[in-house]
Amino acid sequence: MLMHQLITDGAMRHPDKTAFVWVDRQASLSYAEAVAQMERMAGALAHLGVRKGDRVTVFAHNGMDYLLAMLGAWRIGAIAALVNVKFKDDLTYYLADHQPRVVIYTHDMRDAVDTAVAQVPGIEHLVCMDGAQPGAHALPELMAQGFAVPSDPQDESAIAHLSYTSGTTGKPKGACLAHEPTVRASRCIAERLRVRADDISFGPTALSSSYQLVGNLLPALSRGATVHVMRFWTQQAGWEALDKAQATILVGNPTLLEELRAESALRGRAPGRLRMGLSGGGPVPATLKRAWRDELQLPLVESFGQSELGGFMALGYPELEPDDSKLMRVGPALPDKEVWMMGPDGRRLAPGQLGEIVLRGGFMWGYWNKPGKTQEVTADGLLRTGDIGLMDHDGHVTMRGRRSELLHVNGVSWFPRDVEEALCRQPGVRQAALIGLPGGDGGVLPRAFVTRRPDSEIDAARLKTAVQAEVSYDLGSMEVVAIDELPMTPTGKIAKGDLLTLAMATS
């Protein structure tokens, strides 16, 4: 099945039902209106010379035009190549990597676009979402023309979506997701989450991330539900928008979901009809899951995925977990993928044994223009995730950490998550991140950074003593540092590379 076919099928079943809501502008489209606008976008892109397989860069803030640009590109067999606006200083790299025919952007990104396009040959057209600018077409005027739309290529195996990795292990790579395996994965996600037509899915994180595609957009559309997108999330405004929308599913990252919990505590209730939170972008602290369960009486469902997947390798259920010892588990694998742990010798490990998480089944076509990197992670028809974890006897996956983030301290390998989770269990600690500074003996010096909850104080010595009783590592060489905020990536992960740079600059 094709990604955009979910919209056309929805319009056939319930044309007048709301498909999309852009929260910031209070704008909405029914399924029938979304199809009509998709056709207009497809016609505009075709008029500009976009053909099957061409890349259309979308470099914009969350909004309705963003959704329509994706749909229009898919409709004519083109590839929606998405770049987060927070990476504007590196836009030249992204454009040079995927060589688009057209760049669609928001007006405030004009300077970044002009600078990057001047350095990348072959870009034929610029399109500004907000009206004409020098050297750029006005999207509203193109859409108003109603240009003829070519026939749909109907190629389920074609690349539709190009979403960049976070770049934590080198330059960001464009993960190429094809139509059919991504739709299949999204339908499995909808089944696991028990999404129904009366659900309202609310996604305030960046649409440039594939997490929004397979967490917020496609699962809801596959059920004929309603999708909300939002640009200007804040703790207070986000809570109020969820409440007003009567949203049932909040699709976010751990930081955003903690803000929702905190605001709900201040107001004495959760927003409206909310029935669950869905978290992605990084491991969820067990303390946060417990807080949602005990304070909100709502399940916080953890997903485990990567840009390379076009889906999730494991996903929990929208149910309250009464057993605290099981809160670190993500959930079982989804039915579209076979997941297991692999040892250093390539053999499949037994339940309870730590190894690299690998999978077979629907995943990316490959990294755009990087055949060597593609072969490195997809040899033998498997996706090697680079994540270390285990699977228990119930088939539930627990992610322990990235292989690249292991710290080797005095000859012992530390999983940072063990220390971070223990720190987050201490009173007053909001977030924690453990990194390793270069040590004189070739090892590392562990340093833990923590942020505090409002109206709390952090005693570093007390924290270190408390955590030592909870982990097996000798924390004698570890320093605990309290800071106001942890640096974050655009997808909501703690930016440990930036944290390391900060730590080295202040050491």
Protein backbone atom coordinates (compact mmCIF):
# COMPACT_ATOMS: atom_id res chain seq x y z
CA MET A 1 0.00 0.00 0.00
CA LEU A 2 1.09 3.59 -0.61
CA MET A 3 1.45 6.13 2.20
CA HIS A 4 -0.85 8.69 0.62
CA GLN A 5 -3.43 6.02 -0.15
CA LEU A 6 -4.35 6.10 3.55
CA ILE A 7 -5.78 9.59 2.94
CA THR A 8 -7.66 8.65 -0.23
CA ASP A 9 -9.11 5.53 1.40
CA GLY A 10 -10.17 7.60 4.40
CA ALA A 11 -11.89 10.11 2.13
CA MET A 12 -13.88 7.32 0.48
CA ARG A 13 -15.12 6.04 3.85
CA HIS A 14 -15.76 9.31 5.69
CA PRO A 15 -15.06 12.35 3.50
CA ASP A 16 -16.28 14.94 6.00
CA LYS A 17 -14.34 13.68 9.00
CA THR A 18 -11.40 15.82 10.15
CA ALA A 19 -8.09 14.38 9.01
CA PHE A 20 -5.61 17.10 10.03
CA VAL A 21 -5.57 19.96 12.52
CA TRP A 22 -2.80 22.55 12.67
CA VAL A 23 -3.09 23.61 16.28
CA ASP A 24 -1.18 26.91 16.09
CA ARG A 25 -3.40 28.33 13.35
CA GLN A 26 -6.59 26.50 14.34
CA ALA A 27 -6.77 25.26 10.75
CA SER A 28 -8.19 21.90 9.75
CA LEU A 29 -8.84 19.73 6.71
CA SER A 30 -11.37 16.96 6.32
CA TYR A 31 -10.25 13.77 4.61
CA ALA A 32 -11.90 14.92 1.35
CA GLU A 33 -10.31 18.37 1.62
CA ALA A 34 -6.92 16.81 2.37
CA VAL A 35 -7.16 14.73 -0.82
CA ALA A 36 -8.07 17.81 -2.86
CA GLN A 37 -5.17 19.80 -1.40
CA MET A 38 -2.79 16.87 -1.93
CA GLU A 39 -3.78 16.82 -5.60
CA ARG A 40 -3.15 20.55 -5.89
CA MET A 41 0.28 20.17 -4.27
CA ALA A 42 1.08 17.24 -6.56
CA GLY A 43 0.06 19.32 -9.59
CA ALA A 44 2.23 22.23 -8.45
CA LEU A 45 5.26 20.01 -7.99
CA ALA A 46 4.71 18.33 -11.36
CA HIS A 47 4.44 21.79 -12.97
CA LEU A 48 7.88 22.58 -11.52
CA GLY A 49 9.30 19.49 -13.22
CA VAL A 50 9.30 17.06 -10.30
CA ARG A 51 9.12 13.47 -11.47
CA LYS A 52 9.19 10.03 -9.88
CA GLY A 53 12.33 9.56 -7.80
CA ASP A 54 13.16 13.27 -7.60
CA ARG A 55 13.79 14.72 -4.17
CA VAL A 56 11.65 17.51 -2.76
CA THR A 57 13.27 19.08 0.30
CA VAL A 58 10.92 20.26 3.01
CA PHE A 59 12.69 22.70 5.32
CA ALA A 60 9.98 24.18 7.49
CA HIS A 61 8.28 24.37 10.85
CA ASN A 62 5.42 22.04 11.68
CA GLY A 63 2.23 23.04 9.91
CA MET A 64 -0.43 22.10 7.37
CA ASP A 65 1.70 22.95 4.34
CA TYR A 66 4.37 20.60 5.65
CA LEU A 67 1.91 17.72 5.65
CA LEU A 68 0.64 18.63 2.18
CA ALA A 69 4.18 18.88 0.77
CA MET A 70 4.88 15.34 1.94
CA LEU A 71 1.60 14.03 0.54
CA GLY A 72 2.04 15.84 -2.78
CA ALA A 73 5.52 14.43 -3.26
CA TRP A 74 4.37 10.89 -2.48
CA ARG A 75 1.40 11.26 -4.83
CA ILE A 76 3.63 11.72 -7.90
CA GLY A 77 6.27 9.20 -6.82
CA ALA A 78 8.78 11.77 -5.61
CA ILE A 79 10.76 11.56 -2.37
CA ALA A 80 9.99 13.90 0.53
CA ALA A 81 13.44 14.75 1.94
CA LEU A 82 13.03 16.30 5.37
CA VAL A 83 15.54 18.54 7.14
CA ASN A 84 14.97 19.93 10.62
CA VAL A 85 15.07 23.74 10.71
CA LYS A 86 17.35 23.55 13.75
CA PHE A 87 20.05 22.35 11.38
CA LYS A 88 19.91 25.48 9.25
CA ASP A 89 23.64 26.12 9.68
CA ASP A 90 24.32 22.74 8.07
CA LEU A 91 21.71 22.98 5.31
CA THR A 92 24.37 22.95 2.59
CA TYR A 93 25.45 19.47 3.71
CA TYR A 94 21.91 18.09 3.54
CA LEU A 95 21.10 19.60 0.14
CA ALA A 96 24.39 18.43 -1.33
CA ASP A 97 23.71 14.96 0.03
CA HIS A 98 20.30 14.35 -1.56
CA GLN A 99 20.40 16.84 -4.49
CA PRO A 100 16.77 18.01 -4.59
CA ARG A 101 15.02 19.43 -7.62
CA VAL A 102 12.81 21.67 -5.45
CA VAL A 103 13.20 23.15 -1.95
CA ILE A 104 10.04 24.14 -0.04
CA TYR A 105 10.66 26.34 2.99
CA THR A 106 9.14 28.83 5.44
CA HIS A 107 9.89 32.52 5.00
CA ASP A 108 12.06 32.87 8.11
CA MET A 109 14.51 30.33 6.67
CA ARG A 110 15.20 32.41 3.56
CA ASP A 111 18.77 33.42 4.44
CA ALA A 112 19.79 29.86 5.27
CA VAL A 113 18.17 28.57 2.07
CA ASP A 114 19.79 31.22 -0.14
CA THR A 115 23.23 30.55 1.35
CA ALA A 116 22.96 26.78 0.94
CA VAL A 117 21.41 26.79 -2.53
CA ALA A 118 24.19 29.04 -3.82
CA GLN A 119 26.64 26.26 -2.99
CA VAL A 120 24.66 23.28 -4.34
CA PRO A 121 24.17 23.08 -8.12
CA GLY A 122 21.14 21.49 -9.74
CA ILE A 123 18.36 22.90 -7.56
CA GLU A 124 15.81 24.22 -10.04
CA HIS A 125 13.12 25.86 -7.92
CA LEU A 126 12.59 27.39 -4.50
CA VAL A 127 9.08 27.57 -3.07
CA CYS A 128 8.19 29.70 -0.06
CA MET A 129 5.18 28.51 1.91
CA ASP A 130 4.28 32.02 3.04
CA GLY A 131 4.24 33.95 -0.25
CA ALA A 132 6.62 35.14 -2.93
CA GLN A 133 10.21 36.01 -2.07
CA PRO A 134 13.01 37.03 -4.45
CA GLY A 135 13.98 33.95 -6.42
CA ALA A 136 11.21 31.83 -4.93
CA HIS A 137 7.70 30.87 -6.01
CA ALA A 138 4.78 31.53 -3.69
CA LEU A 139 3.24 28.24 -2.65
CA PRO A 140 -0.29 29.68 -2.24
CA GLU A 141 -0.19 30.95 -5.84
CA LEU A 142 1.04 27.62 -7.19
CA MET A 143 -1.67 25.76 -5.29
CA ALA A 144 -4.35 28.13 -6.58
CA GLN A 145 -3.54 27.33 -10.22
CA GLY A 146 -4.88 23.79 -10.08
CA PHE A 147 -2.23 22.34 -12.40
CA ALA A 148 -2.85 18.97 -14.02
CA VAL A 149 -1.70 16.00 -11.97
CA PRO A 150 0.10 13.07 -13.61
CA SER A 151 -1.08 9.54 -12.98
CA ASP A 152 0.01 7.90 -9.76
CA PRO A 153 3.07 5.62 -10.36
CA GLN A 154 1.57 3.16 -7.82
CA ASP A 155 5.01 1.78 -6.92
CA GLU A 156 4.85 0.33 -3.41
CA SER A 157 8.57 -0.46 -3.41
CA ALA A 158 9.62 3.10 -4.28
CA ILE A 159 11.39 5.33 -1.76
CA ALA A 160 8.92 7.87 -0.40
CA HIS A 161 10.45 9.35 2.70
CA LEU A 162 14.02 10.43 3.41
CA SER A 163 14.62 11.21 7.07
CA TYR A 164 18.04 11.97 8.51
CA THR A 165 19.63 10.22 11.47
CA SER A 166 20.66 12.28 14.47
CA GLY A 167 24.34 12.11 13.53
CA THR A 168 25.53 10.87 16.92
CA THR A 169 28.11 8.58 15.27
CA GLY A 170 29.28 10.77 12.38
CA LYS A 171 27.59 12.86 9.72
CA PRO A 172 23.81 12.46 9.55
CA LYS A 173 22.68 9.87 7.03
CA GLY A 174 19.48 9.97 5.02
CA ALA A 175 17.46 6.85 5.80
CA CYS A 176 15.29 5.95 2.79
CA LEU A 177 11.89 4.52 3.66
CA ALA A 178 9.75 2.83 1.02
CA HIS A 179 5.95 2.94 0.86
CA GLU A 180 4.81 -0.60 1.52
CA PRO A 181 6.97 -1.72 4.47
CA THR A 182 6.37 1.60 6.23
CA VAL A 183 2.59 1.40 5.83
CA ARG A 184 2.64 -2.23 6.97
CA ALA A 185 4.68 -1.27 10.05
CA SER A 186 2.32 1.61 10.81
CA ARG A 187 -0.71 -0.65 10.67
CA CYS A 188 0.98 -3.01 13.13
CA ILE A 189 1.64 -0.03 15.41
CA ALA A 190 -2.01 1.00 15.18
CA GLU A 191 -3.03 -2.54 16.17
CA ARG A 192 -0.65 -2.61 19.15
CA LEU A 193 -1.85 0.79 20.37
CA ARG A 194 -5.50 -0.08 19.71
CA VAL A 195 -6.02 3.06 17.67
CA ARG A 196 -9.64 3.60 16.64
CA ALA A 197 -11.44 6.01 14.34
CA ASP A 198 -12.53 8.21 17.23
CA ASP A 199 -8.96 8.72 18.45
CA ILE A 200 -7.25 12.10 18.20
CA SER A 201 -3.49 11.75 17.87
CA PHE A 202 -1.46 14.79 18.91
CA GLY A 203 2.18 15.25 17.79
CA PRO A 204 4.06 18.41 18.77
CA THR A 205 7.61 17.23 17.95
CA ALA A 206 9.34 17.89 14.62
CA LEU A 207 7.71 16.40 11.51
CA SER A 208 11.21 16.01 10.05
CA SER A 209 11.72 12.99 12.30
CA SER A 210 10.51 9.61 11.07
CA TYR A 211 9.12 9.12 14.59
CA GLN A 212 6.26 11.48 13.77
CA LEU A 213 5.60 9.57 10.54
CA VAL A 214 5.18 6.19 12.22
CA GLY A 215 4.02 7.38 15.64
CA ASN A 216 1.54 10.15 14.90
CA LEU A 217 0.63 10.30 11.20
CA LEU A 218 0.34 6.93 9.50
CA PRO A 219 -1.09 4.80 12.35
CA ALA A 220 -3.90 7.31 12.92
CA LEU A 221 -4.62 7.73 9.21
CA SER A 222 -4.75 3.96 8.76
CA ARG A 223 -7.70 3.94 11.19
CA GLY A 224 -9.45 7.02 9.88
CA ALA A 225 -8.57 8.93 13.06
CA THR A 226 -7.64 12.62 13.38
CA VAL A 227 -4.06 13.94 13.48
CA HIS A 228 -2.98 17.15 15.23
CA VAL A 229 0.38 18.82 14.64
CA MET A 230 1.79 21.70 16.66
CA ARG A 231 4.80 23.99 16.37
CA PHE A 232 4.89 26.12 19.51
CA TRP A 233 4.82 23.59 22.35
CA THR A 234 5.35 24.83 25.87
CA GLN A 235 4.40 23.05 29.06
CA GLN A 236 1.37 25.27 29.69
CA ALA A 237 0.27 25.90 26.09
CA GLY A 238 0.73 22.25 25.18
CA TRP A 239 -1.43 21.05 28.06
CA GLU A 240 -4.15 23.51 27.16
CA ALA A 241 -4.05 22.55 23.47
CA LEU A 242 -4.37 18.85 24.33
CA ASP A 243 -7.28 19.59 26.62
CA LYS A 244 -9.07 21.76 24.05
CA ALA A 245 -8.52 19.20 21.27
CA GLN A 246 -9.77 16.37 23.50
CA ALA A 247 -6.71 14.46 22.28
CA THR A 248 -6.54 10.80 23.22
CA ILE A 249 -2.92 10.03 22.26
CA LEU A 250 0.11 12.26 22.90
CA VAL A 251 3.10 11.36 20.72
CA GLY A 252 6.24 12.93 22.16
CA ASN A 253 9.68 12.44 23.65
CA PRO A 254 10.56 11.89 27.33
CA THR A 255 11.20 15.59 27.98
CA LEU A 256 7.84 16.66 26.59
CA LEU A 257 6.02 13.84 28.39
CA GLU A 258 7.61 14.90 31.68
CA GLU A 259 6.36 18.44 31.07
CA LEU A 260 2.86 17.10 30.51
CA ARG A 261 3.07 15.19 33.79
CA ALA A 262 4.32 18.26 35.66
CA GLU A 263 1.61 20.54 34.26
CA SER A 264 -1.07 17.96 35.05
CA ALA A 265 0.18 17.85 38.63
CA LEU A 266 -0.18 21.64 38.86
CA ARG A 267 -3.73 21.52 37.46
CA GLY A 268 -4.86 18.47 39.35
CA ARG A 269 -5.80 16.42 36.29
CA ALA A 270 -4.66 15.13 32.93
CA PRO A 271 -5.93 16.83 29.76
CA GLY A 272 -9.43 15.95 28.54
CA ARG A 273 -9.79 12.52 27.00
CA LEU A 274 -6.09 11.58 27.03
CA ARG A 275 -5.76 7.80 27.31
CA MET A 276 -2.04 7.32 26.80
CA GLY A 277 1.31 8.84 25.99
CA LEU A 278 3.59 7.37 23.35
CA SER A 279 7.30 8.04 23.82
CA GLY A 280 10.13 7.84 21.32
CA GLY A 281 13.47 9.45 20.56
CA GLY A 282 15.30 7.85 23.47
CA PRO A 283 14.90 5.49 26.43
CA VAL A 284 12.17 6.39 28.90
CA PRO A 285 13.24 6.52 32.56
CA ALA A 286 11.28 4.04 34.64
CA THR A 287 10.57 6.91 37.03
CA LEU A 288 8.62 8.71 34.31
CA LYS A 289 6.55 5.65 33.45
CA ARG A 290 5.81 5.19 37.15
CA ALA A 291 4.79 8.83 37.53
CA TRP A 292 2.35 8.59 34.62
CA ARG A 293 0.92 5.42 36.14
CA ASP A 294 0.67 6.61 39.74
CA GLU A 295 -0.10 10.31 39.28
CA LEU A 296 -2.08 10.38 36.03
CA GLN A 297 -3.38 6.80 36.07
CA LEU A 298 -2.39 6.65 32.40
CA PRO A 299 -0.04 4.31 30.54
CA LEU A 300 3.13 5.75 29.07
CA VAL A 301 3.87 3.44 26.15
CA GLU A 302 7.52 3.25 25.15
CA SER A 303 8.54 2.72 21.53
CA PHE A 304 11.96 1.56 20.42
CA GLY A 305 12.93 2.52 16.91
CA GLN A 306 15.44 4.23 14.66
CA SER A 307 15.33 6.42 11.58
CA GLU A 308 16.43 3.31 9.68
CA LEU A 309 13.25 1.40 10.49
CA GLY A 310 10.12 3.12 9.27
CA GLY A 311 8.45 1.55 12.26
CA PHE A 312 9.44 0.23 15.67
CA MET A 313 11.40 -2.87 16.60
CA ALA A 314 9.56 -3.09 19.93
CA LEU A 315 6.52 -1.40 21.42
CA GLY A 316 4.61 -1.62 24.67
CA TYR A 317 0.86 -1.91 25.18
CA PRO A 318 -1.52 0.89 26.24
CA GLU A 319 -1.94 -0.71 29.65
CA LEU A 320 -0.86 0.18 33.18
CA GLU A 321 2.10 -1.94 34.34
CA PRO A 322 1.68 -2.69 38.07
CA ASP A 323 5.10 -4.37 38.45
CA ASP A 324 7.84 -1.80 39.02
CA SER A 325 10.51 -4.34 38.09
CA LYS A 326 9.12 -4.43 34.54
CA LEU A 327 9.01 -0.69 33.89
CA MET A 328 12.38 -0.63 32.10
CA ARG A 329 11.08 -3.03 29.47
CA VAL A 330 9.98 -1.51 26.17
CA GLY A 331 7.66 -4.26 25.03
CA PRO A 332 7.62 -7.15 22.56
CA ALA A 333 8.58 -6.99 18.91
CA LEU A 334 5.89 -6.06 16.42
CA PRO A 335 4.55 -8.69 14.02
CA ASP A 336 6.11 -7.15 10.89
CA LYS A 337 9.64 -7.72 12.22
CA GLU A 338 11.68 -10.56 13.70
CA VAL A 339 13.91 -9.27 16.50
CA TRP A 340 16.63 -11.02 18.51
CA MET A 341 19.90 -10.42 20.36
CA MET A 342 23.13 -11.33 18.60
CA GLY A 343 26.42 -12.18 20.27
CA PRO A 344 29.89 -11.05 19.09
CA ASP A 345 30.24 -14.32 17.15
CA GLY A 346 27.00 -13.73 15.23
CA ARG A 347 24.93 -16.35 17.04
CA ARG A 348 21.45 -15.78 18.39
CA LEU A 349 21.44 -15.38 22.17
CA ALA A 350 19.10 -16.97 24.68
CA PRO A 351 16.56 -14.94 26.69
CA GLY A 352 18.19 -12.78 29.32
CA GLN A 353 21.55 -12.54 27.56
CA LEU A 354 22.93 -9.15 26.54
CA GLY A 355 23.78 -8.63 22.89
CA GLU A 356 23.35 -6.38 19.89
CA ILE A 357 19.74 -5.97 18.85
CA VAL A 358 19.23 -7.10 15.26
CA LEU A 359 16.15 -7.61 13.17
CA ARG A 360 14.83 -9.03 9.95
CA GLY A 361 11.79 -7.66 8.17
CA GLY A 362 10.73 -4.25 6.97
CA PHE A 363 13.41 -1.62 7.34
CA MET A 364 14.98 1.09 5.23
CA TRP A 365 15.90 0.68 1.58
CA GLY A 366 19.29 2.06 2.58
CA TYR A 367 21.13 5.28 3.31
CA TRP A 368 20.86 7.79 0.50
CA ASN A 369 24.04 7.83 -1.60
CA LYS A 370 25.99 5.83 1.01
CA PRO A 371 26.24 2.23 -0.21
CA GLY A 372 29.17 1.43 2.06
CA LYS A 373 27.35 2.52 5.20
CA THR A 374 24.22 0.73 4.00
CA GLN A 375 26.11 -2.55 3.56
CA GLU A 376 27.72 -2.11 6.96
CA VAL A 377 24.39 -2.15 8.82
CA THR A 378 22.24 -4.33 6.51
CA ALA A 379 24.56 -7.20 5.54
CA ASP A 380 22.91 -10.62 5.19
CA GLY A 381 19.45 -9.04 5.07
CA LEU A 382 19.60 -8.01 8.73
CA LEU A 383 19.54 -4.57 10.31
CA ARG A 384 22.29 -4.26 12.90
CA THR A 385 21.02 -1.55 15.18
CA GLY A 386 24.14 -0.79 17.21
CA ASP A 387 21.96 -0.98 20.35
CA ILE A 388 22.70 -3.34 23.22
CA GLY A 389 19.82 -5.01 24.98
CA LEU A 390 18.17 -8.23 26.03
CA MET A 391 14.92 -10.10 25.49
CA ASP A 392 13.22 -11.79 28.41
CA HIS A 393 11.26 -15.02 28.45
CA ASP A 394 8.06 -13.11 27.69
CA GLY A 395 9.60 -11.72 24.48
CA HIS A 396 9.86 -8.18 25.84
CA VAL A 397 12.89 -6.13 24.80
CA THR A 398 14.90 -3.99 27.21
CA MET A 399 17.31 -1.52 25.66
CA ARG A 400 20.47 -1.00 27.76
CA GLY A 401 22.28 1.54 25.59
CA ARG A 402 24.09 2.31 22.37
CA ARG A 403 27.21 0.23 21.84
CA SER A 404 29.04 3.47 21.04
CA GLU A 405 28.05 4.96 24.43
CA LEU A 406 29.54 2.21 26.62
CA LEU A 407 32.08 3.63 29.07
CA HIS A 408 35.21 1.65 29.91
CA VAL A 409 36.19 2.67 33.43
CA ASN A 410 39.16 1.00 35.11
CA GLY A 411 38.74 -2.05 32.89
CA VAL A 412 34.99 -2.36 33.51
CA SER A 413 32.31 -1.61 30.92
CA TRP A 414 29.55 0.66 32.22
CA PHE A 415 26.10 1.04 30.72
CA PRO A 416 25.35 4.75 31.28
CA ARG A 417 21.64 4.03 31.55
CA ASP A 418 22.19 2.03 34.77
CA VAL A 419 23.65 5.07 36.52
CA GLU A 420 21.22 7.51 34.88
CA GLU A 421 18.18 5.51 35.98
CA ALA A 422 19.53 5.24 39.52
CA LEU A 423 20.10 9.00 39.64
CA CYS A 424 16.58 9.70 38.36
CA ARG A 425 15.17 7.62 41.21
CA GLN A 426 16.66 10.02 43.76
CA PRO A 427 14.47 12.76 45.24
CA GLY A 428 14.78 16.07 43.45
CA VAL A 429 16.48 14.76 40.28
CA ARG A 430 14.67 15.52 37.03
CA GLN A 431 17.12 14.30 34.36
CA ALA A 432 20.52 12.63 34.34
CA ALA A 433 23.22 11.95 31.76
CA LEU A 434 26.49 10.09 32.20
CA ILE A 435 29.45 10.71 29.91
CA GLY A 436 33.13 9.81 29.94
CA LEU A 437 35.95 12.34 29.78
CA PRO A 438 39.29 11.17 28.39
CA GLY A 439 41.44 9.68 31.13
CA GLY A 440 45.21 9.61 31.35
CA ASP A 441 45.39 5.80 31.27
CA GLY A 442 43.42 5.49 28.02
CA GLY A 443 40.18 4.90 29.89
CA VAL A 444 37.58 7.48 30.83
CA LEU A 445 36.67 9.57 33.82
CA PRO A 446 32.90 9.24 34.38
CA ARG A 447 30.95 12.42 34.98
CA ALA A 448 27.22 12.51 35.66
CA PHE A 449 25.20 15.64 34.96
CA VAL A 450 21.84 16.10 36.64
CA THR A 451 19.07 18.68 36.53
CA ARG A 452 16.78 19.30 39.48
CA ARG A 453 13.05 19.43 39.83
CA PRO A 454 11.48 22.79 40.75
CA ASP A 455 11.89 23.76 44.42
CA SER A 456 14.51 21.04 44.94
CA GLU A 457 18.18 21.16 45.83
CA ILE A 458 20.93 18.84 44.63
CA ASP A 459 23.58 17.52 47.02
CA ALA A 460 26.16 15.90 44.73
CA ALA A 461 27.92 13.94 47.47
CA ARG A 462 24.64 12.56 48.80
CA LEU A 463 23.53 11.58 45.31
CA LYS A 464 26.72 9.69 44.62
CA THR A 465 26.43 7.76 47.89
CA ALA A 466 22.79 6.91 47.25
CA VAL A 467 23.43 5.70 43.72
CA GLN A 468 26.43 3.59 44.74
CA ALA A 469 24.07 1.40 46.74
CA GLU A 470 21.97 0.74 43.62
CA VAL A 471 24.54 -0.13 40.94
CA SER A 472 27.31 -2.70 40.68
CA TYR A 473 29.95 -0.28 39.38
CA ASP A 474 32.57 1.31 41.62
CA LEU A 475 31.59 4.97 41.44
CA GLY A 476 34.67 6.22 43.25
CA SER A 477 36.02 8.03 40.18
CA MET A 478 32.65 9.47 39.13
CA GLU A 479 31.88 13.15 39.61
CA VAL A 480 28.29 14.41 39.89
CA VAL A 481 27.56 17.89 38.54
CA ALA A 482 24.26 19.77 38.77
CA ILE A 483 23.39 22.03 35.82
CA ASP A 484 20.32 24.05 34.88
CA GLU A 485 19.52 22.28 31.57
CA LEU A 486 20.91 19.39 29.56
CA PRO A 487 21.60 20.06 25.87
CA MET A 488 19.03 18.33 23.68
CA THR A 489 18.94 17.22 20.05
CA PRO A 490 16.05 18.40 17.80
CA THR A 491 14.41 14.99 18.30
CA GLY A 492 14.42 15.30 22.08
CA LYS A 493 17.41 13.15 22.97
CA ILE A 494 20.07 14.31 25.41
CA ALA A 495 22.91 15.58 23.21
CA LYS A 496 25.80 13.77 24.87
CA GLY A 497 28.27 14.99 22.27
CA ASP A 498 27.45 18.59 23.16
CA LEU A 499 27.57 17.69 26.85
CA LEU A 500 31.06 16.24 26.40
CA THR A 501 32.21 19.39 24.60
CA LEU A 502 30.82 21.50 27.44
CA ALA A 503 32.47 19.32 30.06
CA MET A 504 35.87 19.42 28.39
CA ALA A 505 35.67 23.19 27.93
CA THR A 506 35.00 23.69 31.63
CA SER A 507 37.41 21.09 33.00
